[in-house]
PDB file of N, CA and C in Angstrom:
ATOM      1  N   GLN A   1     -18.854  50.021-156.041  1.00  0.00           N
ATOM      2  CA  GLN A   1     -18.584  49.503-154.701  1.00  0.00           C
ATOM      3  C   GLN A   1     -19.015  50.535-153.670  1.00  0.00           C
ATOM      4  N   VAL A   2     -19.655  50.068-152.614  1.00  0.00           N
ATOM      5  CA  VAL A   2     -20.117  50.968-151.558  1.00  0.00           C
ATOM      6  C   VAL A   2     -18.936  51.405-150.700  1.00  0.00           C
ATOM      7  N   GLN A   3     -18.834  52.697-150.462  1.00  0.00           N
ATOM      8  CA  GLN A   3     -17.817  53.240-149.561  1.00  0.00           C
ATOM      9  C   GLN A   3     -18.443  53.444-148.179  1.00  0.00           C
ATOM     10  N   LEU A   4     -17.668  53.146-147.139  1.00  0.00           N
ATOM     11  CA  LEU A   4     -18.153  53.282-145.759  1.00  0.00           C
ATOM     12  C   LEU A   4     -17.282  54.278-145.007  1.00  0.00           C
ATOM     13  N   VAL A   5     -17.912  55.154-144.246  1.00  0.00           N
ATOM     14  CA  VAL A   5     -17.188  56.134-143.440  1.00  0.00           C
ATOM     15  C   VAL A   5     -17.696  56.080-142.008  1.00  0.00           C
ATOM     16  N   GLU A   6     -16.792  55.754-141.074  1.00  0.00           N
ATOM     17  CA  GLU A   6     -17.163  55.712-139.662  1.00  0.00           C
ATOM     18  C   GLU A   6     -16.938  57.082-139.020  1.00  0.00           C
ATOM     19  N   SER A   7     -17.698  57.345-137.971  1.00  0.00           N
ATOM     20  CA  SER A   7     -17.513  58.555-137.173  1.00  0.00           C
ATOM     21  C   SER A   7     -18.030  58.291-135.771  1.00  0.00           C
ATOM     22  N   GLY A   8     -17.679  59.200-134.852  1.00  0.00           N
ATOM     23  CA  GLY A   8     -18.204  59.108-133.499  1.00  0.00           C
ATOM     24  C   GLY A   8     -17.230  58.586-132.463  1.00  0.00           C
ATOM     25  N   GLY A   9     -16.044  58.185-132.895  1.00  0.00           N
ATOM     26  CA  GLY A   9     -15.065  57.708-131.930  1.00  0.00           C
ATOM     27  C   GLY A   9     -14.493  58.850-131.113  1.00  0.00           C
ATOM     28  N   GLY A  10     -13.722  58.496-130.089  1.00  0.00           N
ATOM     29  CA  GLY A  10     -13.106  59.515-129.262  1.00  0.00           C
ATOM     30  C   GLY A  10     -12.633  58.948-127.949  1.00  0.00           C
ATOM     31  N   LEU A  11     -12.340  59.856-127.022  1.00  0.00           N
ATOM     32  CA  LEU A  11     -11.879  59.505-125.685  1.00  0.00           C
ATOM     33  C   LEU A  11     -13.040  59.613-124.709  1.00  0.00           C
ATOM     34  N   VAL A  12     -13.249  58.580-123.923  1.00  0.00           N
ATOM     35  CA  VAL A  12     -14.337  58.575-122.953  1.00  0.00           C
ATOM     36  C   VAL A  12     -13.852  57.893-121.676  1.00  0.00           C
ATOM     37  N   GLN A  13     -14.413  58.310-120.553  1.00  0.00           N
ATOM     38  CA  GLN A  13     -14.046  57.703-119.277  1.00  0.00           C
ATOM     39  C   GLN A  13     -14.740  56.358-119.105  1.00  0.00           C
ATOM     40  N   PRO A  14     -14.163  55.466-118.311  1.00  0.00           N
ATOM     41  CA  PRO A  14     -14.845  54.197-118.017  1.00  0.00           C
ATOM     42  C   PRO A  14     -16.242  54.451-117.472  1.00  0.00           C
ATOM     43  N   GLY A  15     -17.188  53.655-117.969  1.00  0.00           N
ATOM     44  CA  GLY A  15     -18.580  53.843-117.590  1.00  0.00           C
ATOM     45  C   GLY A  15     -19.345  54.771-118.503  1.00  0.00           C
ATOM     46  N   GLY A  16     -18.646  55.447-119.377  1.00  0.00           N
ATOM     47  CA  GLY A  16     -19.279  56.390-120.285  1.00  0.00           C
ATOM     48  C   GLY A  16     -19.878  55.737-121.509  1.00  0.00           C
ATOM     49  N   SER A  17     -20.391  56.585-122.404  1.00  0.00           N
ATOM     50  CA  SER A  17     -21.069  56.107-123.615  1.00  0.00           C
ATOM     51  C   SER A  17     -20.546  56.833-124.850  1.00  0.00           C
ATOM     52  N   LEU A  18     -20.641  56.142-125.962  1.00  0.00           N
ATOM     53  CA  LEU A  18     -20.354  56.720-127.272  1.00  0.00           C
ATOM     54  C   LEU A  18     -21.306  56.086-128.281  1.00  0.00           C
ATOM     55  N   ARG A  19     -21.604  56.829-129.348  1.00  0.00           N
ATOM     56  CA  ARG A  19     -22.367  56.247-130.448  1.00  0.00           C
ATOM     57  C   ARG A  19     -21.554  56.387-131.729  1.00  0.00           C
ATOM     58  N   LEU A  20     -21.248  55.251-132.331  1.00  0.00           N
ATOM     59  CA  LEU A  20     -20.540  55.234-133.607  1.00  0.00           C
ATOM     60  C   LEU A  20     -21.552  55.206-134.751  1.00  0.00           C
ATOM     61  N   SER A  21     -21.183  55.857-135.839  1.00  0.00           N
ATOM     62  CA  SER A  21     -21.999  55.837-137.052  1.00  0.00           C
ATOM     63  C   SER A  21     -21.165  55.322-138.210  1.00  0.00           C
ATOM     64  N   CYS A  22     -21.828  54.633-139.130  1.00  0.00           N
ATOM     65  CA  CYS A  22     -21.177  54.153-140.345  1.00  0.00           C
ATOM     66  C   CYS A  22     -22.078  54.545-141.512  1.00  0.00           C
ATOM     67  N   ALA A  23     -21.643  55.539-142.272  1.00  0.00           N
ATOM     68  CA  ALA A  23     -22.432  56.032-143.392  1.00  0.00           C
ATOM     69  C   ALA A  23     -21.970  55.373-144.686  1.00  0.00           C
ATOM     70  N   ALA A  24     -22.934  54.831-145.427  1.00  0.00           N
ATOM     71  CA  ALA A  24     -22.626  54.172-146.696  1.00  0.00           C
ATOM     72  C   ALA A  24     -22.891  55.124-147.857  1.00  0.00           C
ATOM     73  N   SER A  25     -22.076  54.988-148.912  1.00  0.00           N
ATOM     74  CA  SER A  25     -22.218  55.883-150.067  1.00  0.00           C
ATOM     75  C   SER A  25     -23.384  55.472-150.961  1.00  0.00           C
ATOM     76  N   GLY A  26     -23.884  54.254-150.752  1.00  0.00           N
ATOM     77  CA  GLY A  26     -25.005  53.785-151.539  1.00  0.00           C
ATOM     78  C   GLY A  26     -26.057  53.148-150.659  1.00  0.00           C
ATOM     79  N   SER A  27     -27.063  52.607-151.286  1.00  0.00           N
ATOM     80  CA  SER A  27     -28.160  52.015-150.537  1.00  0.00           C
ATOM     81  C   SER A  27     -27.720  50.774-149.779  1.00  0.00           C
ATOM     82  N   ILE A  28     -28.186  50.662-148.538  1.00  0.00           N
ATOM     83  CA  ILE A  28     -27.927  49.458-147.751  1.00  0.00           C
ATOM     84  C   ILE A  28     -29.163  48.568-147.712  1.00  0.00           C
ATOM     85  N   ALA A  29     -30.193  48.962-148.443  1.00  0.00           N
ATOM     86  CA  ALA A  29     -31.440  48.212-148.393  1.00  0.00           C
ATOM     87  C   ALA A  29     -31.284  46.783-148.906  1.00  0.00           C
ATOM     88  N   SER A  30     -30.351  46.565-149.841  1.00  0.00           N
ATOM     89  CA  SER A  30     -30.182  45.242-150.416  1.00  0.00           C
ATOM     90  C   SER A  30     -28.987  44.513-149.817  1.00  0.00           C
ATOM     91  N   MET A  31     -28.574  44.902-148.642  1.00  0.00           N
ATOM     92  CA  MET A  31     -27.416  44.258-148.048  1.00  0.00           C
ATOM     93  C   MET A  31     -27.798  42.914-147.450  1.00  0.00           C
ATOM     94  N   TYR A  32     -26.827  42.019-147.371  1.00  0.00           N
ATOM     95  CA  TYR A  32     -26.981  40.763-146.656  1.00  0.00           C
ATOM     96  C   TYR A  32     -26.806  41.014-145.162  1.00  0.00           C
ATOM     97  N   GLY A  33     -25.825  41.883-144.847  1.00  0.00           N
ATOM     98  CA  GLY A  33     -25.592  42.225-143.454  1.00  0.00           C
ATOM     99  C   GLY A  33     -24.530  43.292-143.318  1.00  0.00           C
ATOM    100  N   MET A  34     -24.519  43.931-142.177  1.00  0.00           N
ATOM    101  CA  MET A  34     -23.477  44.892-141.819  1.00  0.00           C
ATOM    102  C   MET A  34     -22.968  44.527-140.440  1.00  0.00           C
ATOM    103  N   ALA A  35     -21.750  44.938-140.146  1.00  0.00           N
ATOM    104  CA  ALA A  35     -21.162  44.554-138.878  1.00  0.00           C
ATOM    105  C   ALA A  35     -20.167  45.593-138.392  1.00  0.00           C
ATOM    106  N   TRP A  36     -19.938  45.573-137.093  1.00  0.00           N
ATOM    107  CA  TRP A  36     -18.859  46.321-136.463  1.00  0.00           C
ATOM    108  C   TRP A  36     -17.810  45.321-135.991  1.00  0.00           C
ATOM    109  N   HIS A  37     -16.582  45.592-136.327  1.00  0.00           N
ATOM    110  CA  HIS A  37     -15.444  44.843-135.819  1.00  0.00           C
ATOM    111  C   HIS A  37     -14.550  45.813-135.062  1.00  0.00           C
ATOM    112  N   ARG A  38     -13.640  45.287-134.270  1.00  0.00           N
ATOM    113  CA  ARG A  38     -12.666  46.143-133.608  1.00  0.00           C
ATOM    114  C   ARG A  38     -11.323  45.438-133.537  1.00  0.00           C
ATOM    115  N   GLN A  39     -10.283  46.249-133.468  1.00  0.00           N
ATOM    116  CA  GLN A  39      -8.932  45.707-133.357  1.00  0.00           C
ATOM    117  C   GLN A  39      -8.153  46.525-132.344  1.00  0.00           C
ATOM    118  N   ALA A  40      -7.820  45.894-131.244  1.00  0.00           N
ATOM    119  CA  ALA A  40      -6.995  46.533-130.228  1.00  0.00           C
ATOM    120  C   ALA A  40      -5.529  46.361-130.601  1.00  0.00           C
ATOM    121  N   LEU A  41      -4.702  47.221-130.050  1.00  0.00           N
ATOM    122  CA  LEU A  41      -3.271  47.200-130.358  1.00  0.00           C
ATOM    123  C   LEU A  41      -2.682  45.834-130.028  1.00  0.00           C
ATOM    124  N   GLY A  42      -2.043  45.219-131.015  1.00  0.00           N
ATOM    125  CA  GLY A  42      -1.401  43.933-130.798  1.00  0.00           C
ATOM    126  C   GLY A  42      -2.329  42.732-130.820  1.00  0.00           C
ATOM    127  N   LYS A  43      -3.592  42.954-131.150  1.00  0.00           N
ATOM    128  CA  LYS A  43      -4.556  41.852-131.166  1.00  0.00           C
ATOM    129  C   LYS A  43      -5.176  41.705-132.545  1.00  0.00           C
ATOM    130  N   HIS A  44      -5.829  40.555-132.745  1.00  0.00           N
ATOM    131  CA  HIS A  44      -6.520  40.312-134.001  1.00  0.00           C
ATOM    132  C   HIS A  44      -7.823  41.108-134.049  1.00  0.00           C
ATOM    133  N   ARG A  45      -8.277  41.393-135.264  1.00  0.00           N
ATOM    134  CA  ARG A  45      -9.572  42.039-135.430  1.00  0.00           C
ATOM    135  C   ARG A  45     -10.661  41.050-135.023  1.00  0.00           C
ATOM    136  N   GLU A  46     -11.661  41.533-134.281  1.00  0.00           N
ATOM    137  CA  GLU A  46     -12.725  40.662-133.791  1.00  0.00           C
ATOM    138  C   GLU A  46     -14.094  41.264-134.090  1.00  0.00           C
ATOM    139  N   LEU A  47     -15.066  40.382-134.275  1.00  0.00           N
ATOM    140  CA  LEU A  47     -16.444  40.815-134.487  1.00  0.00           C
ATOM    141  C   LEU A  47     -17.030  41.339-133.193  1.00  0.00           C
ATOM    142  N   VAL A  48     -17.666  42.490-133.258  1.00  0.00           N
ATOM    143  CA  VAL A  48     -18.333  43.081-132.101  1.00  0.00           C
ATOM    144  C   VAL A  48     -19.841  42.833-132.188  1.00  0.00           C
ATOM    145  N   ALA A  49     -20.428  43.169-133.332  1.00  0.00           N
ATOM    146  CA  ALA A  49     -21.871  43.008-133.516  1.00  0.00           C
ATOM    147  C   ALA A  49     -22.191  43.011-134.994  1.00  0.00           C
ATOM    148  N   LEU A  50     -23.276  42.317-135.346  1.00  0.00           N
ATOM    149  CA  LEU A  50     -23.723  42.350-136.730  1.00  0.00           C
ATOM    150  C   LEU A  50     -25.229  42.506-136.782  1.00  0.00           C
ATOM    151  N   ILE A  51     -25.685  43.015-137.924  1.00  0.00           N
ATOM    152  CA  ILE A  51     -27.123  43.168-138.151  1.00  0.00           C
ATOM    153  C   ILE A  51     -27.414  42.720-139.575  1.00  0.00           C
ATOM    154  N   THR A  52     -28.451  41.919-139.740  1.00  0.00           N
ATOM    155  CA  THR A  52     -28.802  41.411-141.056  1.00  0.00           C
ATOM    156  C   THR A  52     -29.724  42.390-141.775  1.00  0.00           C
ATOM    157  N   GLY A  53     -29.949  42.125-143.058  1.00  0.00           N
ATOM    158  CA  GLY A  53     -30.868  42.966-143.802  1.00  0.00           C
ATOM    159  C   GLY A  53     -32.265  42.962-143.208  1.00  0.00           C
ATOM    160  N   GLY A  54     -32.630  41.861-142.594  1.00  0.00           N
ATOM    161  CA  GLY A  54     -33.943  41.757-141.975  1.00  0.00           C
ATOM    162  C   GLY A  54     -34.006  42.315-140.569  1.00  0.00           C
ATOM    163  N   GLY A  55     -32.872  42.768-140.051  1.00  0.00           N
ATOM    164  CA  GLY A  55     -32.844  43.383-138.733  1.00  0.00           C
ATOM    165  C   GLY A  55     -32.415  42.465-137.604  1.00  0.00           C
ATOM    166  N   GLY A  56     -32.099  41.216-137.922  1.00  0.00           N
ATOM    167  CA  GLY A  56     -31.605  40.329-136.884  1.00  0.00           C
ATOM    168  C   GLY A  56     -30.240  40.781-136.404  1.00  0.00           C
ATOM    169  N   THR A  57     -29.939  40.534-135.135  1.00  0.00           N
ATOM    170  CA  THR A  57     -28.683  41.011-134.565  1.00  0.00           C
ATOM    171  C   THR A  57     -27.945  39.898-133.843  1.00  0.00           C
ATOM    172  N   HIS A  58     -26.637  40.085-133.725  1.00  0.00           N
ATOM    173  CA  HIS A  58     -25.788  39.154-132.980  1.00  0.00           C
ATOM    174  C   HIS A  58     -24.682  39.966-132.333  1.00  0.00           C
ATOM    175  N   TYR A  59     -24.333  39.602-131.104  1.00  0.00           N
ATOM    176  CA  TYR A  59     -23.297  40.333-130.368  1.00  0.00           C
ATOM    177  C   TYR A  59     -22.225  39.392-129.836  1.00  0.00           C
ATOM    178  N   ALA A  60     -21.020  39.902-129.747  1.00  0.00           N
ATOM    179  CA  ALA A  60     -19.982  39.178-129.047  1.00  0.00           C
ATOM    180  C   ALA A  60     -20.343  39.132-127.568  1.00  0.00           C
ATOM    181  N   ASP A  61     -19.970  38.049-126.903  1.00  0.00           N
ATOM    182  CA  ASP A  61     -20.311  37.913-125.486  1.00  0.00           C
ATOM    183  C   ASP A  61     -19.782  39.083-124.663  1.00  0.00           C
ATOM    184  N   SER A  62     -18.647  39.606-125.040  1.00  0.00           N
ATOM    185  CA  SER A  62     -18.002  40.661-124.256  1.00  0.00           C
ATOM    186  C   SER A  62     -18.771  41.982-124.270  1.00  0.00           C
ATOM    187  N   VAL A  63     -19.698  42.150-125.212  1.00  0.00           N
ATOM    188  CA  VAL A  63     -20.423  43.426-125.304  1.00  0.00           C
ATOM    189  C   VAL A  63     -21.924  43.269-125.104  1.00  0.00           C
ATOM    190  N   LYS A  64     -22.407  42.046-124.942  1.00  0.00           N
ATOM    191  CA  LYS A  64     -23.842  41.823-124.759  1.00  0.00           C
ATOM    192  C   LYS A  64     -24.365  42.597-123.566  1.00  0.00           C
ATOM    193  N   GLY A  65     -25.491  43.263-123.758  1.00  0.00           N
ATOM    194  CA  GLY A  65     -26.100  44.032-122.684  1.00  0.00           C
ATOM    195  C   GLY A  65     -25.545  45.443-122.555  1.00  0.00           C
ATOM    196  N   ARG A  66     -24.449  45.724-123.266  1.00  0.00           N
ATOM    197  CA  ARG A  66     -23.846  47.069-123.191  1.00  0.00           C
ATOM    198  C   ARG A  66     -23.890  47.799-124.530  1.00  0.00           C
ATOM    199  N   PHE A  67     -23.769  47.058-125.615  1.00  0.00           N
ATOM    200  CA  PHE A  67     -23.747  47.651-126.953  1.00  0.00           C
ATOM    201  C   PHE A  67     -25.044  47.309-127.686  1.00  0.00           C
ATOM    202  N   THR A  68     -25.479  48.235-128.549  1.00  0.00           N
ATOM    203  CA  THR A  68     -26.660  48.001-129.378  1.00  0.00           C
ATOM    204  C   THR A  68     -26.365  48.423-130.808  1.00  0.00           C
ATOM    205  N   ILE A  69     -26.566  47.502-131.738  1.00  0.00           N
ATOM    206  CA  ILE A  69     -26.370  47.796-133.160  1.00  0.00           C
ATOM    207  C   ILE A  69     -27.729  48.091-133.783  1.00  0.00           C
ATOM    208  N   SER A  70     -27.750  49.045-134.695  1.00  0.00           N
ATOM    209  CA  SER A  70     -28.996  49.395-135.379  1.00  0.00           C
ATOM    210  C   SER A  70     -28.669  49.981-136.749  1.00  0.00           C
ATOM    211  N   LYS A  71     -29.688  50.150-137.565  1.00  0.00           N
ATOM    212  CA  LYS A  71     -29.476  50.727-138.893  1.00  0.00           C
ATOM    213  C   LYS A  71     -30.673  51.564-139.296  1.00  0.00           C
ATOM    214  N   ASP A  72     -30.435  52.506-140.163  1.00  0.00           N
ATOM    215  CA  ASP A  72     -31.483  53.349-140.715  1.00  0.00           C
ATOM    216  C   ASP A  72     -31.350  53.285-142.232  1.00  0.00           C
ATOM    217  N   ASN A  73     -32.200  52.480-142.855  1.00  0.00           N
ATOM    218  CA  ASN A  73     -32.103  52.295-144.306  1.00  0.00           C
ATOM    219  C   ASN A  73     -32.306  53.606-145.057  1.00  0.00           C
ATOM    220  N   ALA A  74     -33.164  54.467-144.544  1.00  0.00           N
ATOM    221  CA  ALA A  74     -33.439  55.733-145.222  1.00  0.00           C
ATOM    222  C   ALA A  74     -32.211  56.632-145.262  1.00  0.00           C
ATOM    223  N   LYS A  75     -31.355  56.503-144.232  1.00  0.00           N
ATOM    224  CA  LYS A  75     -30.139  57.317-144.160  1.00  0.00           C
ATOM    225  C   LYS A  75     -28.902  56.537-144.598  1.00  0.00           C
ATOM    226  N   ASN A  76     -29.093  55.280-144.978  1.00  0.00           N
ATOM    227  CA  ASN A  76     -27.960  54.421-145.374  1.00  0.00           C
ATOM    228  C   ASN A  76     -26.869  54.426-144.312  1.00  0.00           C
ATOM    229  N   THR A  77     -27.275  54.304-143.071  1.00  0.00           N
ATOM    230  CA  THR A  77     -26.343  54.432-141.953  1.00  0.00           C
ATOM    231  C   THR A  77     -26.584  53.341-140.923  1.00  0.00           C
ATOM    232  N   MET A  78     -25.497  52.824-140.390  1.00  0.00           N
ATOM    233  CA  MET A  78     -25.534  51.852-139.301  1.00  0.00           C
ATOM    234  C   MET A  78     -24.941  52.512-138.059  1.00  0.00           C
ATOM    235  N   TYR A  79     -25.421  52.095-136.902  1.00  0.00           N
ATOM    236  CA  TYR A  79     -24.971  52.699-135.646  1.00  0.00           C
ATOM    237  C   TYR A  79     -24.501  51.626-134.674  1.00  0.00           C
ATOM    238  N   LEU A  80     -23.674  52.058-133.716  1.00  0.00           N
ATOM    239  CA  LEU A  80     -23.325  51.208-132.584  1.00  0.00           C
ATOM    240  C   LEU A  80     -23.375  52.080-131.335  1.00  0.00           C
ATOM    241  N   GLN A  81     -24.394  51.870-130.533  1.00  0.00           N
ATOM    242  CA  GLN A  81     -24.499  52.562-129.260  1.00  0.00           C
ATOM    243  C   GLN A  81     -23.723  51.765-128.228  1.00  0.00           C
ATOM    244  N   MET A  82     -22.744  52.393-127.617  1.00  0.00           N
ATOM    245  CA  MET A  82     -21.874  51.718-126.663  1.00  0.00           C
ATOM    246  C   MET A  82     -22.042  52.366-125.291  1.00  0.00           C
ATOM    247  N   ASN A  83     -22.530  51.603-124.345  1.00  0.00           N
ATOM    248  CA  ASN A  83     -22.734  52.081-122.974  1.00  0.00           C
ATOM    249  C   ASN A  83     -21.842  51.300-122.019  1.00  0.00           C
ATOM    250  N   SER A  84     -21.685  51.842-120.822  1.00  0.00           N
ATOM    251  CA  SER A  84     -20.882  51.184-119.776  1.00  0.00           C
ATOM    252  C   SER A  84     -19.528  50.756-120.314  1.00  0.00           C
ATOM    253  N   LEU A  85     -18.867  51.678-120.975  1.00  0.00           N
ATOM    254  CA  LEU A  85     -17.605  51.348-121.627  1.00  0.00           C
ATOM    255  C   LEU A  85     -16.526  50.998-120.617  1.00  0.00           C
ATOM    256  N   LYS A  86     -15.678  50.057-121.020  1.00  0.00           N
ATOM    257  CA  LYS A  86     -14.582  49.579-120.187  1.00  0.00           C
ATOM    258  C   LYS A  86     -13.251  49.832-120.908  1.00  0.00           C
ATOM    259  N   SER A  87     -12.179  49.798-120.170  1.00  0.00           N
ATOM    260  CA  SER A  87     -10.866  50.023-120.780  1.00  0.00           C
ATOM    261  C   SER A  87     -10.578  48.989-121.867  1.00  0.00           C
ATOM    262  N   GLU A  88     -11.093  47.787-121.686  1.00  0.00           N
ATOM    263  CA  GLU A  88     -10.849  46.737-122.681  1.00  0.00           C
ATOM    264  C   GLU A  88     -11.637  46.939-123.968  1.00  0.00           C
ATOM    265  N   ASP A  89     -12.501  47.927-124.013  1.00  0.00           N
ATOM    266  CA  ASP A  89     -13.200  48.269-125.255  1.00  0.00           C
ATOM    267  C   ASP A  89     -12.345  49.183-126.141  1.00  0.00           C
ATOM    268  N   THR A  90     -11.217  49.632-125.618  1.00  0.00           N
ATOM    269  CA  THR A  90     -10.330  50.496-126.394  1.00  0.00           C
ATOM    270  C   THR A  90      -9.823  49.753-127.627  1.00  0.00           C
ATOM    271  N   ALA A  91     -10.054  50.344-128.802  1.00  0.00           N
ATOM    272  CA  ALA A  91      -9.686  49.705-130.062  1.00  0.00           C
ATOM    273  C   ALA A  91     -10.021  50.648-131.209  1.00  0.00           C
ATOM    274  N   VAL A  92      -9.577  50.266-132.395  1.00  0.00           N
ATOM    275  CA  VAL A  92     -10.076  50.898-133.607  1.00  0.00           C
ATOM    276  C   VAL A  92     -11.299  50.097-134.054  1.00  0.00           C
ATOM    277  N   TYR A  93     -12.398  50.797-134.276  1.00  0.00           N
ATOM    278  CA  TYR A  93     -13.656  50.159-134.661  1.00  0.00           C
ATOM    279  C   TYR A  93     -13.872  50.352-136.167  1.00  0.00           C
ATOM    280  N   TYR A  94     -14.173  49.237-136.830  1.00  0.00           N
ATOM    281  CA  TYR A  94     -14.367  49.238-138.278  1.00  0.00           C
ATOM    282  C   TYR A  94     -15.780  48.765-138.604  1.00  0.00           C
ATOM    283  N   CYS A  95     -16.382  49.384-139.602  1.00  0.00           N
ATOM    284  CA  CYS A  95     -17.650  48.851-140.079  1.00  0.00           C
ATOM    285  C   CYS A  95     -17.419  48.086-141.376  1.00  0.00           C
ATOM    286  N   TYR A  96     -18.338  47.168-141.649  1.00  0.00           N
ATOM    287  CA  TYR A  96     -18.213  46.241-142.765  1.00  0.00           C
ATOM    288  C   TYR A  96     -19.602  46.006-143.328  1.00  0.00           C
ATOM    289  N   ILE A  97     -19.668  45.886-144.658  1.00  0.00           N
ATOM    290  CA  ILE A  97     -20.942  45.586-145.296  1.00  0.00           C
ATOM    291  C   ILE A  97     -20.743  44.452-146.295  1.00  0.00           C
ATOM    292  N   LEU A  98     -21.714  43.544-146.321  1.00  0.00           N
ATOM    293  CA  LEU A  98     -21.754  42.477-147.315  1.00  0.00           C
ATOM    294  C   LEU A  98     -23.075  42.625-148.062  1.00  0.00           C
ATOM    295  N   LEU A  99     -22.967  42.904-149.346  1.00  0.00           N
ATOM    296  CA  LEU A  99     -24.160  43.111-150.157  1.00  0.00           C
ATOM    297  C   LEU A  99     -24.655  41.783-150.718  1.00  0.00           C
ATOM    298  N   ASN A 100     -25.923  41.742-151.095  1.00  0.00           N
ATOM    299  CA  ASN A 100     -26.504  40.509-151.607  1.00  0.00           C
ATOM    300  C   ASN A 100     -25.809  40.007-152.864  1.00  0.00           C
ATOM    301  N   GLY A 101     -25.216  40.913-153.629  1.00  0.00           N
ATOM    302  CA  GLY A 101     -24.502  40.499-154.838  1.00  0.00           C
ATOM    303  C   GLY A 101     -23.158  39.876-154.557  1.00  0.00           C
ATOM    304  N   GLY A 102     -22.728  39.920-153.293  1.00  0.00           N
ATOM    305  CA  GLY A 102     -21.465  39.305-152.904  1.00  0.00           C
ATOM    306  C   GLY A 102     -20.319  40.265-152.700  1.00  0.00           C
ATOM    307  N   SER A 103     -20.494  41.516-153.088  1.00  0.00           N
ATOM    308  CA  SER A 103     -19.420  42.486-152.870  1.00  0.00           C
ATOM    309  C   SER A 103     -19.429  42.941-151.423  1.00  0.00           C
ATOM    310  N   SER A 104     -18.281  43.390-150.957  1.00  0.00           N
ATOM    311  CA  SER A 104     -18.153  43.809-149.564  1.00  0.00           C
ATOM    312  C   SER A 104     -17.192  44.981-149.461  1.00  0.00           C
ATOM    313  N   SER A 105     -17.298  45.703-148.358  1.00  0.00           N
ATOM    314  CA  SER A 105     -16.419  46.848-148.127  1.00  0.00           C
ATOM    315  C   SER A 105     -16.139  47.005-146.644  1.00  0.00           C
ATOM    316  N   TRP A 106     -14.992  47.596-146.358  1.00  0.00           N
ATOM    317  CA  TRP A 106     -14.626  47.979-144.994  1.00  0.00           C
ATOM    318  C   TRP A 106     -14.494  49.506-144.935  1.00  0.00           C
ATOM    319  N   GLY A 107     -14.804  50.059-143.772  1.00  0.00           N
ATOM    320  CA  GLY A 107     -14.523  51.451-143.533  1.00  0.00           C
ATOM    321  C   GLY A 107     -13.068  51.634-143.123  1.00  0.00           C
ATOM    322  N   GLN A 108     -12.674  52.900-142.893  1.00  0.00           N
ATOM    323  CA  GLN A 108     -11.274  53.190-142.576  1.00  0.00           C
ATOM    324  C   GLN A 108     -10.983  53.062-141.082  1.00  0.00           C
ATOM    325  N   GLY A 109     -12.027  52.982-140.277  1.00  0.00           N
ATOM    326  CA  GLY A 109     -11.860  52.813-138.838  1.00  0.00           C
ATOM    327  C   GLY A 109     -11.961  54.112-138.068  1.00  0.00           C
ATOM    328  N   THR A 110     -12.411  54.000-136.823  1.00  0.00           N
ATOM    329  CA  THR A 110     -12.470  55.137-135.912  1.00  0.00           C
ATOM    330  C   THR A 110     -11.962  54.680-134.547  1.00  0.00           C
ATOM    331  N   GLN A 111     -11.117  55.499-133.937  1.00  0.00           N
ATOM    332  CA  GLN A 111     -10.484  55.127-132.668  1.00  0.00           C
ATOM    333  C   GLN A 111     -11.427  55.394-131.495  1.00  0.00           C
ATOM    334  N   VAL A 112     -11.563  54.400-130.640  1.00  0.00           N
ATOM    335  CA  VAL A 112     -12.280  54.541-129.376  1.00  0.00           C
ATOM    336  C   VAL A 112     -11.288  54.264-128.249  1.00  0.00           C
ATOM    337  N   THR A 113     -11.130  55.234-127.362  1.00  0.00           N
ATOM    338  CA  THR A 113     -10.217  55.088-126.231  1.00  0.00           C
ATOM    339  C   THR A 113     -10.999  55.293-124.940  1.00  0.00           C
ATOM    340  N   VAL A 114     -10.958  54.284-124.078  1.00  0.00           N
ATOM    341  CA  VAL A 114     -11.655  54.350-122.795  1.00  0.00           C
ATOM    342  C   VAL A 114     -10.589  54.440-121.708  1.00  0.00           C
ATOM    343  N   SER A 115     -10.512  55.608-121.093  1.00  0.00           N
ATOM    344  CA  SER A 115      -9.456  55.843-120.114  1.00  0.00           C
ATOM    345  C   SER A 115      -9.847  56.985-119.185  1.00  0.00           C
ATOM    346  N   SER A 116      -9.390  56.895-117.950  1.00  0.00           N
ATOM    347  CA  SER A 116      -9.621  57.983-117.001  1.00  0.00           C
ATOM    348  C   SER A 116      -8.446  58.940-117.006  1.00  0.00           C
TER     349      SER A 116
END
């Protein structure tokens, strides 16, 4: 089973930027897709962005134009570039992978706090 480790979270002021990374313990070349989800305190976990094995992307309406998802197959790593951050982006961000064989994994999460 592929293990996922997120990094890059932290405290940032409104309007600032952060880049999250999700490093996989194995190859992501044969994945069906990877995604970033987030869960704010007291709320359900929600999809933020996903990227397919072929590089297609999808974003939640709330982050379109501000967040960019990408991946580097050579480094087995997925990224989330987050710009123009807002207080409502504060959440724990989780990465997720679905492999072509049907197995899937979640990372442990990284906290993003947007506050002045």
